[in-house]
Amino acid sequence: MEELKKLRDTLDALPWIATLLLVIFADAIYGALYRVTKGDTTGIVVGILWFVTGSFFGIGAIIDLITVIINKKITVLA
């Protein structure tokens, strides 16, 4: 659990532009990793679904893109 918290802190500490680029080019991987690091069962299940479905068939990538632009970090389902 401590490793997940460290990883989550590292992801939260990324500069805004780095987060934006990761969401644009690799949201299925980055979004899944971000959600899995939440640490609870819901986060793990949503993270796996995020990865397998390609961020819910691209719709999740659009949502993540909007939330990163507005909030400067992913907050939806995370």
Protein backbone atom coordinates (compact mmCIF):
# COMPACT_ATOMS: atom_id res chain seq x y z
CA MET A 1 0.00 0.00 0.00
CA GLU A 2 2.85 2.38 0.80
CA GLU A 3 4.28 1.89 -2.70
CA LEU A 4 0.94 2.82 -4.26
CA LYS A 5 0.82 6.00 -2.17
CA LYS A 6 4.34 6.95 -3.26
CA LEU A 7 3.45 6.32 -6.90
CA ARG A 8 0.24 8.36 -6.56
CA ASP A 9 2.21 11.24 -4.99
CA THR A 10 4.69 11.06 -7.87
CA LEU A 11 1.89 11.18 -10.44
CA ASP A 12 0.25 14.11 -8.63
CA ALA A 13 3.58 15.97 -8.59
CA LEU A 14 3.99 15.86 -12.37
CA PRO A 15 3.93 19.25 -14.08
CA TRP A 16 0.62 20.17 -15.66
CA ILE A 17 1.97 19.94 -19.20
CA ALA A 18 3.38 16.45 -18.56
CA THR A 19 0.02 15.28 -17.26
CA LEU A 20 -1.71 16.81 -20.26
CA LEU A 21 0.65 15.08 -22.71
CA LEU A 22 0.23 11.74 -20.94
CA VAL A 23 -3.55 12.06 -21.15
CA ILE A 24 -3.42 12.99 -24.83
CA PHE A 25 -1.02 10.25 -25.96
CA ALA A 26 -1.32 7.44 -23.39
CA ASP A 27 -4.52 7.87 -21.41
CA ALA A 28 -5.38 4.18 -21.33
CA ILE A 29 -2.11 3.41 -19.56
CA TYR A 30 -1.70 6.59 -17.51
CA GLY A 31 -5.36 6.74 -16.50
CA ALA A 32 -5.39 3.09 -15.48
CA LEU A 33 -2.23 3.50 -13.44
CA TYR A 34 -3.58 6.64 -11.79
CA ARG A 35 -6.80 4.90 -10.81
CA VAL A 36 -5.11 1.72 -9.55
CA THR A 37 -2.91 3.80 -7.24
CA LYS A 38 -6.05 4.91 -5.44
CA GLY A 39 -5.55 1.67 -3.54
CA ASP A 40 -9.08 0.51 -2.86
CA THR A 41 -11.01 -2.21 -4.67
CA THR A 42 -13.04 0.24 -6.74
CA GLY A 43 -9.92 2.00 -7.98
CA ILE A 44 -8.30 -1.28 -8.97
CA VAL A 45 -11.38 -2.50 -10.85
CA VAL A 46 -11.86 0.83 -12.65
CA GLY A 47 -8.14 0.97 -13.46
CA ILE A 48 -8.19 -2.48 -15.03
CA LEU A 49 -11.33 -1.62 -17.02
CA TRP A 50 -9.72 1.67 -18.06
CA PHE A 51 -6.70 -0.17 -19.45
CA VAL A 52 -8.56 -3.05 -21.11
CA THR A 53 -11.18 -0.88 -22.81
CA GLY A 54 -8.80 1.87 -23.88
CA SER A 55 -10.23 4.36 -21.36
CA PHE A 56 -13.78 3.23 -22.01
CA PHE A 57 -13.40 3.34 -25.78
CA GLY A 58 -11.95 6.85 -25.84
CA ILE A 59 -14.77 8.57 -24.00
CA GLY A 60 -12.79 8.44 -20.77
CA ALA A 61 -9.83 10.05 -22.50
CA ILE A 62 -11.98 13.01 -23.46
CA ILE A 63 -13.26 13.31 -19.89
CA ASP A 64 -9.71 13.08 -18.51
CA LEU A 65 -8.54 15.69 -20.99
CA ILE A 66 -11.24 18.12 -19.89
CA THR A 67 -10.58 17.52 -16.18
CA VAL A 68 -6.82 17.99 -16.62
CA ILE A 69 -7.37 21.26 -18.48
CA ILE A 70 -9.80 22.53 -15.84
CA ASN A 71 -8.35 21.08 -12.62
CA LYS A 72 -4.75 20.39 -13.64
CA LYS A 73 -5.09 16.78 -12.44
CA ILE A 74 -7.41 13.83 -13.00
CA THR A 75 -10.34 13.84 -10.60
CA VAL A 76 -13.03 11.80 -12.37
CA LEU A 77 -13.27 8.20 -11.14
CA ALA A 78 -9.98 8.57 -9.35
